[in-house]
Amino acid sequence: VTSRPCPIVTKLDKLSHFDRRAELTGFSQEQAKSFIHKYMDDSSMADKLLEELKQSEWCESLITTPYYCYLICDHFEQHQALPRQRTELFHRPVLRELQRMAEARDLSDTFSNFKDAPDQVKIPFINLLELAWTTLQKKQLYLQKADLAAA
């Protein structure tokens, strides 16, 4: 599964064999607006978000991607403001994943930010980030099982 643009997928096709390919086209502007209204419990909050999106070209361009649309709604619901940077969209999902990993390891500590996460979940996560960065620097487009095993 990849979310890469078509030219990269074509290159990947030449490197490996895919049994199937599916294209996810994302939301139209109207579908994104509908999603925002369905996501927000309060229609005035949805209207406020849509108004603010008109003032933020980069943020508005993201709402046609369903996951980004969800992340923008989630961020707006928490902060009553749009993110200033794209990375802000991922703070809560990363924290939720770390909490899920901690629960799976029976670590009962609760934490509200990355630096307070237990080392048993934080260190493997940092190792995965370093692996992704190293792979990107090598201009590799994907990780292989051997890469993950070495991390």
N, C-alpha and C. Protein backbone atom coordinates (compact mmCIF):
# COMPACT_ATOMS: atom_id res chain seq x y z
N VAL A 1 0.86 -1.17 0.00
CA VAL A 1 0.00 0.00 0.00
C VAL A 1 0.90 1.22 0.00
N THR A 2 0.58 2.18 -0.85
CA THR A 2 1.36 3.41 -0.91
C THR A 2 0.44 4.59 -1.15
N SER A 3 0.88 5.73 -0.69
CA SER A 3 0.14 6.96 -0.98
C SER A 3 1.00 7.86 -1.86
N ARG A 4 1.95 7.27 -2.51
CA ARG A 4 2.88 8.02 -3.35
C ARG A 4 2.19 8.53 -4.62
N PRO A 5 2.69 9.65 -5.15
CA PRO A 5 2.15 10.15 -6.43
C PRO A 5 2.39 9.15 -7.56
N CYS A 6 1.59 9.24 -8.57
CA CYS A 6 1.61 8.29 -9.68
C CYS A 6 3.00 8.05 -10.29
N PRO A 7 3.83 9.08 -10.55
CA PRO A 7 5.14 8.80 -11.14
C PRO A 7 6.01 7.91 -10.26
N ILE A 8 5.90 8.05 -8.96
CA ILE A 8 6.68 7.22 -8.05
C ILE A 8 6.14 5.80 -8.06
N VAL A 9 4.82 5.64 -8.09
CA VAL A 9 4.22 4.32 -8.14
C VAL A 9 4.65 3.60 -9.40
N THR A 10 4.72 4.31 -10.51
CA THR A 10 5.17 3.71 -11.77
C THR A 10 6.59 3.20 -11.62
N LYS A 11 7.44 3.97 -10.95
CA LYS A 11 8.82 3.53 -10.70
C LYS A 11 8.84 2.30 -9.80
N LEU A 12 7.99 2.29 -8.77
CA LEU A 12 7.91 1.13 -7.89
C LEU A 12 7.44 -0.10 -8.64
N ASP A 13 6.52 0.08 -9.60
CA ASP A 13 6.03 -1.05 -10.40
C ASP A 13 7.18 -1.75 -11.11
N LYS A 14 8.16 -0.97 -11.56
CA LYS A 14 9.29 -1.54 -12.28
C LYS A 14 10.23 -2.28 -11.33
N LEU A 15 10.25 -1.86 -10.06
CA LEU A 15 11.15 -2.48 -9.08
C LEU A 15 10.57 -3.75 -8.46
N SER A 16 9.29 -3.82 -8.36
CA SER A 16 8.67 -4.98 -7.73
C SER A 16 7.31 -5.24 -8.36
N HIS A 17 6.77 -6.39 -8.08
CA HIS A 17 5.50 -6.80 -8.69
C HIS A 17 4.35 -6.52 -7.74
N PHE A 18 3.34 -5.87 -8.27
CA PHE A 18 2.12 -5.64 -7.50
C PHE A 18 1.01 -6.48 -8.12
N ASP A 19 0.28 -7.20 -7.29
CA ASP A 19 -0.83 -7.99 -7.78
C ASP A 19 -2.03 -7.12 -8.14
N ARG A 20 -2.20 -6.04 -7.35
CA ARG A 20 -3.35 -5.16 -7.56
C ARG A 20 -2.94 -3.72 -7.33
N ARG A 21 -3.70 -2.86 -7.94
CA ARG A 21 -3.51 -1.44 -7.71
C ARG A 21 -4.89 -0.80 -7.58
N ALA A 22 -5.01 0.06 -6.62
CA ALA A 22 -6.26 0.80 -6.43
C ALA A 22 -5.91 2.28 -6.32
N GLU A 23 -6.74 3.09 -6.87
CA GLU A 23 -6.51 4.53 -6.79
C GLU A 23 -7.57 5.14 -5.88
N LEU A 24 -7.09 5.85 -4.86
CA LEU A 24 -7.99 6.57 -3.97
C LEU A 24 -7.91 8.03 -4.36
N THR A 25 -9.02 8.57 -4.78
CA THR A 25 -8.99 9.92 -5.33
C THR A 25 -9.16 11.02 -4.29
N GLY A 26 -9.57 10.68 -3.10
CA GLY A 26 -9.74 11.70 -2.07
C GLY A 26 -11.09 12.39 -2.18
N PHE A 27 -11.25 13.43 -1.37
CA PHE A 27 -12.49 14.18 -1.31
C PHE A 27 -12.53 15.29 -2.35
N SER A 28 -13.70 15.58 -2.84
CA SER A 28 -13.91 16.84 -3.55
C SER A 28 -14.04 17.90 -2.46
N GLN A 29 -14.05 19.16 -2.83
CA GLN A 29 -14.22 20.24 -1.84
C GLN A 29 -15.56 20.07 -1.11
N GLU A 30 -16.60 19.72 -1.85
CA GLU A 30 -17.92 19.54 -1.23
C GLU A 30 -17.93 18.35 -0.26
N GLN A 31 -17.28 17.25 -0.64
CA GLN A 31 -17.21 16.10 0.25
C GLN A 31 -16.42 16.43 1.52
N ALA A 32 -15.35 17.20 1.37
CA ALA A 32 -14.56 17.61 2.53
C ALA A 32 -15.41 18.47 3.47
N LYS A 33 -16.17 19.41 2.92
CA LYS A 33 -17.05 20.25 3.74
C LYS A 33 -18.09 19.39 4.45
N SER A 34 -18.64 18.42 3.75
CA SER A 34 -19.62 17.51 4.35
C SER A 34 -18.99 16.72 5.49
N PHE A 35 -17.77 16.23 5.27
CA PHE A 35 -17.07 15.48 6.31
C PHE A 35 -16.86 16.35 7.55
N ILE A 36 -16.43 17.58 7.34
CA ILE A 36 -16.18 18.50 8.46
C ILE A 36 -17.46 18.70 9.26
N HIS A 37 -18.57 18.91 8.58
CA HIS A 37 -19.84 19.09 9.28
C HIS A 37 -20.26 17.83 10.03
N LYS A 38 -19.98 16.66 9.48
CA LYS A 38 -20.33 15.41 10.16
C LYS A 38 -19.39 15.15 11.34
N TYR A 39 -18.14 15.54 11.20
CA TYR A 39 -17.16 15.31 12.26
C TYR A 39 -17.45 16.17 13.49
N MET A 40 -17.72 17.44 13.24
CA MET A 40 -17.93 18.38 14.34
C MET A 40 -19.35 18.20 14.90
N ASP A 41 -19.45 18.09 16.21
CA ASP A 41 -20.77 17.98 16.85
C ASP A 41 -21.54 19.30 16.75
N ASP A 42 -20.81 20.38 16.72
CA ASP A 42 -21.39 21.72 16.72
C ASP A 42 -21.26 22.31 15.32
N SER A 43 -22.37 22.60 14.68
CA SER A 43 -22.32 23.12 13.30
C SER A 43 -21.66 24.50 13.25
N SER A 44 -21.77 25.29 14.32
CA SER A 44 -21.10 26.60 14.32
C SER A 44 -19.58 26.42 14.35
N MET A 45 -19.11 25.36 15.04
CA MET A 45 -17.67 25.06 15.05
C MET A 45 -17.21 24.64 13.66
N ALA A 46 -18.02 23.85 12.96
CA ALA A 46 -17.69 23.44 11.59
C ALA A 46 -17.64 24.66 10.68
N ASP A 47 -18.60 25.55 10.82
CA ASP A 47 -18.61 26.77 10.01
C ASP A 47 -17.39 27.63 10.30
N LYS A 48 -17.01 27.70 11.57
CA LYS A 48 -15.81 28.48 11.95
C LYS A 48 -14.56 27.87 11.33
N LEU A 49 -14.45 26.55 11.37
CA LEU A 49 -13.31 25.87 10.76
C LEU A 49 -13.27 26.16 9.26
N LEU A 50 -14.39 26.04 8.59
CA LEU A 50 -14.43 26.30 7.15
C LEU A 50 -14.05 27.74 6.83
N GLU A 51 -14.46 28.67 7.65
CA GLU A 51 -14.08 30.09 7.46
C GLU A 51 -12.58 30.27 7.61
N GLU A 52 -12.02 29.65 8.64
CA GLU A 52 -10.57 29.77 8.86
C GLU A 52 -9.78 29.10 7.76
N LEU A 53 -10.31 28.01 7.22
CA LEU A 53 -9.63 27.33 6.11
C LEU A 53 -9.51 28.24 4.89
N LYS A 54 -10.49 29.09 4.69
CA LYS A 54 -10.43 30.03 3.56
C LYS A 54 -9.26 31.00 3.69
N GLN A 55 -8.79 31.21 4.92
CA GLN A 55 -7.68 32.13 5.17
C GLN A 55 -6.33 31.42 5.14
N SER A 56 -6.35 30.10 5.05
CA SER A 56 -5.11 29.32 5.07
C SER A 56 -5.05 28.41 3.85
N GLU A 57 -4.40 28.90 2.82
CA GLU A 57 -4.35 28.16 1.55
C GLU A 57 -3.73 26.77 1.72
N TRP A 58 -2.63 26.69 2.46
CA TRP A 58 -1.95 25.39 2.59
C TRP A 58 -2.81 24.39 3.36
N CYS A 59 -3.51 24.86 4.38
CA CYS A 59 -4.38 23.98 5.16
C CYS A 59 -5.60 23.57 4.33
N GLU A 60 -6.16 24.51 3.62
CA GLU A 60 -7.33 24.21 2.80
C GLU A 60 -6.99 23.18 1.72
N SER A 61 -5.76 23.23 1.22
CA SER A 61 -5.37 22.27 0.18
C SER A 61 -5.29 20.84 0.72
N LEU A 62 -5.14 20.70 2.03
CA LEU A 62 -5.02 19.36 2.62
C LEU A 62 -6.35 18.65 2.82
N ILE A 63 -7.44 19.39 2.89
CA ILE A 63 -8.72 18.77 3.27
C ILE A 63 -9.28 17.81 2.23
N THR A 64 -8.74 17.81 1.04
CA THR A 64 -9.22 16.84 0.04
C THR A 64 -8.61 15.45 0.27
N THR A 65 -7.60 15.36 1.12
CA THR A 65 -7.05 14.07 1.52
C THR A 65 -7.78 13.66 2.81
N PRO A 66 -8.55 12.58 2.77
CA PRO A 66 -9.39 12.25 3.92
C PRO A 66 -8.66 12.21 5.27
N TYR A 67 -7.49 11.60 5.34
CA TYR A 67 -6.80 11.53 6.63
C TYR A 67 -6.38 12.92 7.10
N TYR A 68 -5.88 13.74 6.20
CA TYR A 68 -5.53 15.12 6.58
C TYR A 68 -6.77 15.89 7.03
N CYS A 69 -7.87 15.67 6.36
CA CYS A 69 -9.11 16.34 6.74
C CYS A 69 -9.49 15.95 8.17
N TYR A 70 -9.39 14.66 8.47
CA TYR A 70 -9.64 14.19 9.82
C TYR A 70 -8.69 14.84 10.82
N LEU A 71 -7.39 14.88 10.48
CA LEU A 71 -6.40 15.46 11.39
C LEU A 71 -6.65 16.95 11.63
N ILE A 72 -7.04 17.66 10.58
CA ILE A 72 -7.35 19.09 10.73
C ILE A 72 -8.56 19.27 11.64
N CYS A 73 -9.59 18.45 11.45
CA CYS A 73 -10.77 18.52 12.33
C CYS A 73 -10.38 18.23 13.77
N ASP A 74 -9.60 17.19 13.97
CA ASP A 74 -9.17 16.79 15.31
C ASP A 74 -8.36 17.92 15.97
N HIS A 75 -7.43 18.49 15.22
CA HIS A 75 -6.61 19.59 15.74
C HIS A 75 -7.48 20.80 16.08
N PHE A 76 -8.37 21.14 15.18
CA PHE A 76 -9.23 22.32 15.39
C PHE A 76 -10.14 22.11 16.60
N GLU A 77 -10.64 20.90 16.74
CA GLU A 77 -11.51 20.59 17.88
C GLU A 77 -10.76 20.77 19.21
N GLN A 78 -9.49 20.39 19.22
CA GLN A 78 -8.69 20.49 20.44
C GLN A 78 -8.20 21.91 20.74
N HIS A 79 -7.84 22.65 19.70
CA HIS A 79 -7.17 23.95 19.88
C HIS A 79 -7.99 25.16 19.43
N GLN A 80 -9.13 24.93 18.79
CA GLN A 80 -9.94 26.00 18.23
C GLN A 80 -9.11 26.92 17.31
N ALA A 81 -8.15 26.32 16.66
CA ALA A 81 -7.30 27.05 15.71
C ALA A 81 -6.71 26.05 14.73
N LEU A 82 -6.34 26.55 13.56
CA LEU A 82 -5.66 25.70 12.58
C LEU A 82 -4.21 25.52 13.00
N PRO A 83 -3.59 24.44 12.57
CA PRO A 83 -2.17 24.26 12.87
C PRO A 83 -1.33 25.30 12.11
N ARG A 84 -0.22 25.66 12.70
CA ARG A 84 0.70 26.58 12.02
C ARG A 84 1.61 25.82 11.06
N GLN A 85 1.88 24.56 11.39
CA GLN A 85 2.74 23.71 10.57
C GLN A 85 2.09 22.35 10.41
N ARG A 86 2.45 21.67 9.35
CA ARG A 86 1.88 20.35 9.09
C ARG A 86 2.23 19.36 10.20
N THR A 87 3.42 19.49 10.78
CA THR A 87 3.81 18.55 11.84
C THR A 87 2.89 18.62 13.04
N GLU A 88 2.27 19.76 13.29
CA GLU A 88 1.34 19.88 14.42
C GLU A 88 0.16 18.92 14.28
N LEU A 89 -0.18 18.58 13.05
CA LEU A 89 -1.30 17.66 12.82
C LEU A 89 -1.02 16.27 13.39
N PHE A 90 0.25 15.91 13.53
CA PHE A 90 0.61 14.55 13.91
C PHE A 90 0.94 14.38 15.39
N HIS A 91 0.92 15.45 16.17
CA HIS A 91 1.24 15.32 17.59
C HIS A 91 0.30 14.34 18.29
N ARG A 92 -0.99 14.56 18.17
CA ARG A 92 -1.95 13.69 18.88
C ARG A 92 -1.94 12.26 18.35
N PRO A 93 -1.93 12.02 17.03
CA PRO A 93 -1.89 10.62 16.57
C PRO A 93 -0.64 9.88 17.04
N VAL A 94 0.50 10.55 17.04
CA VAL A 94 1.73 9.90 17.51
C VAL A 94 1.62 9.60 19.00
N LEU A 95 1.13 10.55 19.76
CA LEU A 95 0.96 10.34 21.19
C LEU A 95 -0.02 9.21 21.48
N ARG A 96 -1.12 9.15 20.72
CA ARG A 96 -2.09 8.06 20.89
C ARG A 96 -1.45 6.70 20.59
N GLU A 97 -0.63 6.65 19.54
CA GLU A 97 0.04 5.39 19.19
C GLU A 97 1.02 4.98 20.28
N LEU A 98 1.77 5.93 20.82
CA LEU A 98 2.69 5.61 21.91
C LEU A 98 1.92 5.11 23.14
N GLN A 99 0.78 5.73 23.42
CA GLN A 99 -0.02 5.28 24.55
C GLN A 99 -0.57 3.87 24.32
N ARG A 100 -0.97 3.60 23.06
CA ARG A 100 -1.44 2.26 22.73
C ARG A 100 -0.32 1.23 22.91
N MET A 101 0.89 1.59 22.47
CA MET A 101 2.04 0.70 22.63
C MET A 101 2.35 0.47 24.11
N ALA A 102 2.25 1.52 24.92
CA ALA A 102 2.51 1.40 26.36
C ALA A 102 1.48 0.47 27.01
N GLU A 103 0.22 0.63 26.64
CA GLU A 103 -0.83 -0.24 27.20
C GLU A 103 -0.60 -1.70 26.81
N ALA A 104 -0.16 -1.93 25.57
CA ALA A 104 0.09 -3.29 25.11
C ALA A 104 1.24 -3.94 25.89
N ARG A 105 2.13 -3.12 26.43
CA ARG A 105 3.25 -3.62 27.23
C ARG A 105 2.96 -3.55 28.74
N ASP A 106 1.69 -3.31 29.07
CA ASP A 106 1.25 -3.21 30.48
C ASP A 106 2.01 -2.13 31.25
N LEU A 107 2.32 -1.04 30.57
CA LEU A 107 2.94 0.10 31.24
C LEU A 107 1.81 1.06 31.60
N SER A 108 1.58 1.24 32.87
CA SER A 108 0.40 1.99 33.29
C SER A 108 0.63 3.50 33.38
N ASP A 109 1.86 3.94 33.16
CA ASP A 109 2.12 5.38 33.24
C ASP A 109 1.29 6.12 32.20
N THR A 110 0.67 7.20 32.63
CA THR A 110 -0.01 8.05 31.66
C THR A 110 0.92 9.21 31.35
N PHE A 111 0.88 9.66 30.13
CA PHE A 111 1.75 10.75 29.72
C PHE A 111 1.02 11.58 28.69
N SER A 112 1.34 12.86 28.68
CA SER A 112 0.63 13.77 27.78
C SER A 112 1.54 14.38 26.73
N ASN A 113 2.82 14.00 26.74
CA ASN A 113 3.72 14.46 25.69
C ASN A 113 4.81 13.41 25.46
N PHE A 114 5.50 13.55 24.36
CA PHE A 114 6.46 12.54 23.93
C PHE A 114 7.58 12.36 24.93
N LYS A 115 8.11 13.45 25.46
CA LYS A 115 9.29 13.33 26.35
C LYS A 115 8.97 12.55 27.62
N ASP A 116 7.70 12.51 28.03
CA ASP A 116 7.32 11.78 29.23
C ASP A 116 6.94 10.32 28.96
N ALA A 117 6.95 9.92 27.71
CA ALA A 117 6.61 8.53 27.37
C ALA A 117 7.67 7.59 27.93
N PRO A 118 7.27 6.39 28.34
CA PRO A 118 8.25 5.42 28.85
C PRO A 118 9.28 5.06 27.78
N ASP A 119 10.52 4.85 28.21
CA ASP A 119 11.59 4.51 27.26
C ASP A 119 11.28 3.25 26.47
N GLN A 120 10.51 2.30 27.07
CA GLN A 120 10.20 1.05 26.38
C GLN A 120 9.40 1.27 25.11
N VAL A 121 8.69 2.39 25.00
CA VAL A 121 7.97 2.70 23.76
C VAL A 121 8.65 3.83 23.00
N LYS A 122 9.30 4.72 23.71
CA LYS A 122 9.92 5.87 23.06
C LYS A 122 11.15 5.46 22.23
N ILE A 123 12.00 4.61 22.76
CA ILE A 123 13.24 4.24 22.07
C ILE A 123 12.96 3.50 20.76
N PRO A 124 12.07 2.48 20.74
CA PRO A 124 11.77 1.85 19.43
C PRO A 124 11.18 2.84 18.42
N PHE A 125 10.38 3.77 18.90
CA PHE A 125 9.80 4.77 18.02
C PHE A 125 10.90 5.67 17.44
N ILE A 126 11.82 6.11 18.27
CA ILE A 126 12.94 6.93 17.80
C ILE A 126 13.79 6.15 16.80
N ASN A 127 14.02 4.86 17.09
CA ASN A 127 14.79 4.03 16.16
C ASN A 127 14.11 3.94 14.79
N LEU A 128 12.78 3.82 14.80
CA LEU A 128 12.04 3.76 13.54
C LEU A 128 12.14 5.09 12.79
N LEU A 129 12.07 6.20 13.51
CA LEU A 129 12.23 7.51 12.86
C LEU A 129 13.62 7.65 12.25
N GLU A 130 14.64 7.21 12.97
CA GLU A 130 16.01 7.28 12.45
C GLU A 130 16.16 6.41 11.21
N LEU A 131 15.54 5.23 11.23
CA LEU A 131 15.58 4.34 10.06
C LEU A 131 14.90 5.00 8.87
N ALA A 132 13.75 5.60 9.10
CA ALA A 132 13.04 6.28 8.01
C ALA A 132 13.89 7.42 7.44
N TRP A 133 14.53 8.19 8.32
CA TRP A 133 15.37 9.31 7.86
C TRP A 133 16.56 8.80 7.06
N THR A 134 17.22 7.76 7.54
CA THR A 134 18.38 7.19 6.83
C THR A 134 17.96 6.67 5.47
N THR A 135 16.82 5.99 5.42
CA THR A 135 16.30 5.46 4.16
C THR A 135 15.99 6.59 3.19
N LEU A 136 15.41 7.66 3.69
CA LEU A 136 15.10 8.82 2.85
C LEU A 136 16.37 9.46 2.31
N GLN A 137 17.40 9.55 3.14
CA GLN A 137 18.67 10.14 2.69
C GLN A 137 19.30 9.30 1.58
N LYS A 138 19.08 8.00 1.61
CA LYS A 138 19.60 7.11 0.55
C LYS A 138 18.73 7.15 -0.70
N LYS A 139 17.65 7.95 -0.64
CA LYS A 139 16.69 8.07 -1.73
C LYS A 139 15.96 6.76 -2.02
N GLN A 140 15.83 5.91 -0.99
CA GLN A 140 15.00 4.72 -1.09
C GLN A 140 13.56 5.14 -0.86
N LEU A 141 12.65 4.51 -1.56
CA LEU A 141 11.25 4.88 -1.45
C LEU A 141 10.47 4.01 -0.46
N TYR A 142 11.05 2.93 -0.01
CA TYR A 142 10.33 2.03 0.88
C TYR A 142 11.32 1.28 1.75
N LEU A 143 10.81 0.72 2.86
CA LEU A 143 11.62 -0.11 3.75
C LEU A 143 11.38 -1.57 3.44
N GLN A 144 12.40 -2.37 3.64
CA GLN A 144 12.26 -3.80 3.46
C GLN A 144 12.30 -4.47 4.83
N LYS A 145 11.88 -5.74 4.88
CA LYS A 145 11.86 -6.46 6.16
C LYS A 145 13.23 -6.46 6.83
N ALA A 146 14.29 -6.61 6.04
CA ALA A 146 15.65 -6.63 6.59
C ALA A 146 15.98 -5.29 7.26
N ASP A 147 15.49 -4.19 6.69
CA ASP A 147 15.73 -2.87 7.29
C ASP A 147 15.10 -2.81 8.68
N LEU A 148 13.88 -3.31 8.79
CA LEU A 148 13.17 -3.29 10.06
C LEU A 148 13.79 -4.21 11.09
N ALA A 149 14.28 -5.37 10.64
CA ALA A 149 14.89 -6.33 11.54
C ALA A 149 16.19 -5.75 12.12
N ALA A 150 16.91 -4.98 11.32
CA ALA A 150 18.18 -4.38 11.77
C ALA A 150 17.95 -3.25 12.75
N ALA A 151 16.77 -2.64 12.71
CA ALA A 151 16.49 -1.51 13.60
C ALA A 151 16.14 -2.00 14.93
